[in-house]
Amino acid sequence: MYSVFWWLRQVILILAGCFFLAFGILILIACYKLKDPYSFIMAFFASNLIILISATLILGFIIRMIRVYRVLKDET
């Protein structure tokens, strides 16, 4: 039903999500070094949005993989 390429695609998407999660955390750390309050607020909210979206996508991909694994396990 689900080929190896489907599992590989899910793993690649999770890794991409982890990359953007780490990127968002790095932006969040870097924004505390900014002197301008406007730049700080913009970078702070942008990094939080990146972190929120990437964490949600990672969780969604993991839940999808778990559901497919349970379906495949029940079929055998």
N, C-alpha and C. Protein backbone atom coordinates (compact mmCIF):
# COMPACT_ATOMS: atom_id res chain seq x y z
N MET A 1 0.83 -1.19 0.00
CA MET A 1 0.00 0.00 0.00
C MET A 1 0.88 1.27 0.00
N TYR A 2 1.69 1.43 1.02
CA TYR A 2 2.60 2.58 1.08
C TYR A 2 4.00 2.10 0.74
N SER A 3 4.60 2.72 -0.23
CA SER A 3 5.91 2.28 -0.68
C SER A 3 7.01 2.90 0.18
N VAL A 4 8.21 2.48 -0.13
CA VAL A 4 9.37 3.00 0.58
C VAL A 4 9.53 4.49 0.31
N PHE A 5 9.15 4.91 -0.88
CA PHE A 5 9.28 6.34 -1.23
C PHE A 5 8.37 7.22 -0.38
N TRP A 6 7.20 6.69 0.00
CA TRP A 6 6.29 7.45 0.87
C TRP A 6 6.95 7.67 2.23
N TRP A 7 7.55 6.61 2.78
CA TRP A 7 8.22 6.72 4.07
C TRP A 7 9.43 7.64 3.98
N LEU A 8 10.16 7.53 2.88
CA LEU A 8 11.32 8.39 2.67
C LEU A 8 10.91 9.86 2.56
N ARG A 9 9.81 10.10 1.86
CA ARG A 9 9.31 11.47 1.73
C ARG A 9 8.91 12.04 3.09
N GLN A 10 8.28 11.22 3.91
CA GLN A 10 7.88 11.69 5.24
C GLN A 10 9.11 12.02 6.09
N VAL A 11 10.13 11.19 6.02
CA VAL A 11 11.35 11.43 6.78
C VAL A 11 12.04 12.71 6.29
N ILE A 12 12.07 12.92 4.99
CA ILE A 12 12.68 14.14 4.44
C ILE A 12 11.90 15.37 4.88
N LEU A 13 10.58 15.27 4.90
CA LEU A 13 9.76 16.40 5.35
C LEU A 13 9.98 16.69 6.84
N ILE A 14 10.14 15.65 7.64
CA ILE A 14 10.42 15.84 9.06
C ILE A 14 11.79 16.50 9.24
N LEU A 15 12.77 16.06 8.47
CA LEU A 15 14.10 16.68 8.56
C LEU A 15 14.07 18.15 8.13
N ALA A 16 13.30 18.45 7.11
CA ALA A 16 13.16 19.86 6.69
C ALA A 16 12.49 20.68 7.79
N GLY A 17 11.48 20.09 8.43
CA GLY A 17 10.83 20.78 9.55
C GLY A 17 11.78 21.01 10.70
N CYS A 18 12.64 20.03 10.97
CA CYS A 18 13.64 20.19 12.04
C CYS A 18 14.64 21.29 11.70
N PHE A 19 15.01 21.38 10.41
CA PHE A 19 15.91 22.45 9.99
C PHE A 19 15.28 23.81 10.25
N PHE A 20 14.02 23.98 9.86
CA PHE A 20 13.37 25.27 10.07
C PHE A 20 13.09 25.55 11.54
N LEU A 21 12.88 24.51 12.33
CA LEU A 21 12.73 24.69 13.77
C LEU A 21 14.04 25.22 14.37
N ALA A 22 15.15 24.62 13.99
CA ALA A 22 16.45 25.09 14.47
C ALA A 22 16.75 26.49 13.97
N PHE A 23 16.38 26.78 12.71
CA PHE A 23 16.58 28.11 12.15
C PHE A 23 15.77 29.16 12.92
N GLY A 24 14.53 28.82 13.27
CA GLY A 24 13.70 29.73 14.05
C GLY A 24 14.27 29.98 15.43
N ILE A 25 14.83 28.95 16.05
CA ILE A 25 15.44 29.11 17.37
C ILE A 25 16.68 30.00 17.27
N LEU A 26 17.46 29.83 16.21
CA LEU A 26 18.64 30.68 16.03
C LEU A 26 18.24 32.14 15.80
N ILE A 27 17.17 32.37 15.06
CA ILE A 27 16.69 33.74 14.86
C ILE A 27 16.21 34.32 16.19
N LEU A 28 15.54 33.50 16.98
CA LEU A 28 15.05 33.97 18.29
C LEU A 28 16.22 34.37 19.19
N ILE A 29 17.27 33.58 19.19
CA ILE A 29 18.45 33.91 20.01
C ILE A 29 19.12 35.18 19.48
N ALA A 30 19.20 35.29 18.15
CA ALA A 30 19.88 36.45 17.56
C ALA A 30 19.09 37.74 17.75
N CYS A 31 17.78 37.64 17.85
CA CYS A 31 17.00 38.88 17.94
C CYS A 31 17.18 39.56 19.30
N TYR A 32 17.65 38.83 20.31
CA TYR A 32 17.90 39.47 21.60
C TYR A 32 19.14 40.34 21.59
N LYS A 33 19.95 40.27 20.55
CA LYS A 33 21.14 41.10 20.42
C LYS A 33 20.86 42.40 19.67
N LEU A 34 19.64 42.58 19.19
CA LEU A 34 19.30 43.77 18.41
C LEU A 34 19.10 44.96 19.34
N LYS A 35 19.48 46.12 18.88
CA LYS A 35 19.37 47.35 19.68
C LYS A 35 18.05 48.09 19.42
N ASP A 36 17.57 48.04 18.19
CA ASP A 36 16.36 48.75 17.81
C ASP A 36 15.12 47.98 18.28
N PRO A 37 14.22 48.61 19.05
CA PRO A 37 13.04 47.90 19.55
C PRO A 37 12.12 47.40 18.44
N TYR A 38 11.99 48.18 17.36
CA TYR A 38 11.12 47.76 16.26
C TYR A 38 11.69 46.50 15.59
N SER A 39 12.99 46.49 15.36
CA SER A 39 13.61 45.31 14.76
C SER A 39 13.51 44.10 15.68
N PHE A 40 13.64 44.34 16.99
CA PHE A 40 13.50 43.24 17.94
C PHE A 40 12.10 42.63 17.89
N ILE A 41 11.09 43.47 17.90
CA ILE A 41 9.70 42.97 17.89
C ILE A 41 9.43 42.20 16.60
N MET A 42 9.86 42.74 15.47
CA MET A 42 9.62 42.06 14.20
C MET A 42 10.36 40.73 14.12
N ALA A 43 11.61 40.70 14.54
CA ALA A 43 12.38 39.45 14.51
C ALA A 43 11.83 38.45 15.52
N PHE A 44 11.41 38.92 16.67
CA PHE A 44 10.87 38.05 17.71
C PHE A 44 9.61 37.34 17.23
N PHE A 45 8.67 38.09 16.69
CA PHE A 45 7.42 37.48 16.22
C PHE A 45 7.64 36.62 14.98
N ALA A 46 8.56 37.01 14.11
CA ALA A 46 8.86 36.19 12.94
C ALA A 46 9.47 34.86 13.35
N SER A 47 10.38 34.88 14.30
CA SER A 47 11.00 33.63 14.74
C SER A 47 9.98 32.74 15.45
N ASN A 48 9.11 33.33 16.23
CA ASN A 48 8.08 32.53 16.89
C ASN A 48 7.12 31.91 15.88
N LEU A 49 6.81 32.62 14.83
CA LEU A 49 5.94 32.07 13.78
C LEU A 49 6.63 30.91 13.06
N ILE A 50 7.91 31.08 12.76
CA ILE A 50 8.66 29.99 12.12
C ILE A 50 8.70 28.76 13.02
N ILE A 51 8.95 28.96 14.30
CA ILE A 51 9.00 27.85 15.25
C ILE A 51 7.64 27.17 15.35
N LEU A 52 6.58 27.93 15.45
CA LEU A 52 5.24 27.37 15.59
C LEU A 52 4.84 26.56 14.36
N ILE A 53 5.06 27.10 13.18
CA ILE A 53 4.67 26.39 11.95
C ILE A 53 5.50 25.13 11.76
N SER A 54 6.80 25.22 11.97
CA SER A 54 7.64 24.04 11.75
C SER A 54 7.36 22.96 12.79
N ALA A 55 7.12 23.32 14.03
CA ALA A 55 6.79 22.32 15.05
C ALA A 55 5.46 21.65 14.76
N THR A 56 4.50 22.42 14.27
CA THR A 56 3.20 21.84 13.91
C THR A 56 3.33 20.88 12.74
N LEU A 57 4.12 21.24 11.75
CA LEU A 57 4.32 20.35 10.61
C LEU A 57 5.04 19.07 11.01
N ILE A 58 6.05 19.19 11.86
CA ILE A 58 6.76 17.99 12.34
C ILE A 58 5.80 17.07 13.07
N LEU A 59 5.00 17.63 13.95
CA LEU A 59 4.03 16.83 14.70
C LEU A 59 3.02 16.17 13.77
N GLY A 60 2.56 16.90 12.77
CA GLY A 60 1.61 16.35 11.81
C GLY A 60 2.19 15.20 11.01
N PHE A 61 3.43 15.34 10.57
CA PHE A 61 4.07 14.26 9.81
C PHE A 61 4.30 13.03 10.68
N ILE A 62 4.68 13.24 11.92
CA ILE A 62 4.89 12.10 12.82
C ILE A 62 3.58 11.39 13.11
N ILE A 63 2.51 12.14 13.34
CA ILE A 63 1.21 11.52 13.59
C ILE A 63 0.74 10.75 12.37
N ARG A 64 0.96 11.30 11.17
CA ARG A 64 0.58 10.60 9.94
C ARG A 64 1.35 9.28 9.81
N MET A 65 2.63 9.32 10.12
CA MET A 65 3.43 8.09 10.03
C MET A 65 2.95 7.05 11.05
N ILE A 66 2.61 7.48 12.24
CA ILE A 66 2.12 6.55 13.26
C ILE A 66 0.80 5.93 12.83
N ARG A 67 -0.10 6.73 12.29
CA ARG A 67 -1.39 6.19 11.84
C ARG A 67 -1.22 5.17 10.72
N VAL A 68 -0.36 5.46 9.75
CA VAL A 68 -0.13 4.52 8.65
C VAL A 68 0.53 3.26 9.18
N TYR A 69 1.47 3.40 10.11
CA TYR A 69 2.12 2.23 10.68
C TYR A 69 1.10 1.34 11.39
N ARG A 70 0.18 1.93 12.14
CA ARG A 70 -0.84 1.14 12.84
C ARG A 70 -1.77 0.43 11.86
N VAL A 71 -2.13 1.10 10.77
CA VAL A 71 -2.99 0.47 9.76
C VAL A 71 -2.25 -0.71 9.10
N LEU A 72 -0.99 -0.49 8.77
CA LEU A 72 -0.22 -1.57 8.14
C LEU A 72 0.01 -2.73 9.10
N LYS A 73 0.17 -2.42 10.37
CA LYS A 73 0.38 -3.47 11.37
C LYS A 73 -0.89 -4.30 11.57
N ASP A 74 -2.05 -3.65 11.52
CA ASP A 74 -3.32 -4.36 11.67
C ASP A 74 -3.65 -5.22 10.47
N GLU A 75 -3.18 -4.85 9.28
CA GLU A 75 -3.44 -5.62 8.08
C GLU A 75 -2.69 -6.95 8.04
N THR A 76 -1.54 -6.98 8.71
CA THR A 76 -0.74 -8.21 8.65
C THR A 76 -1.11 -9.17 9.75
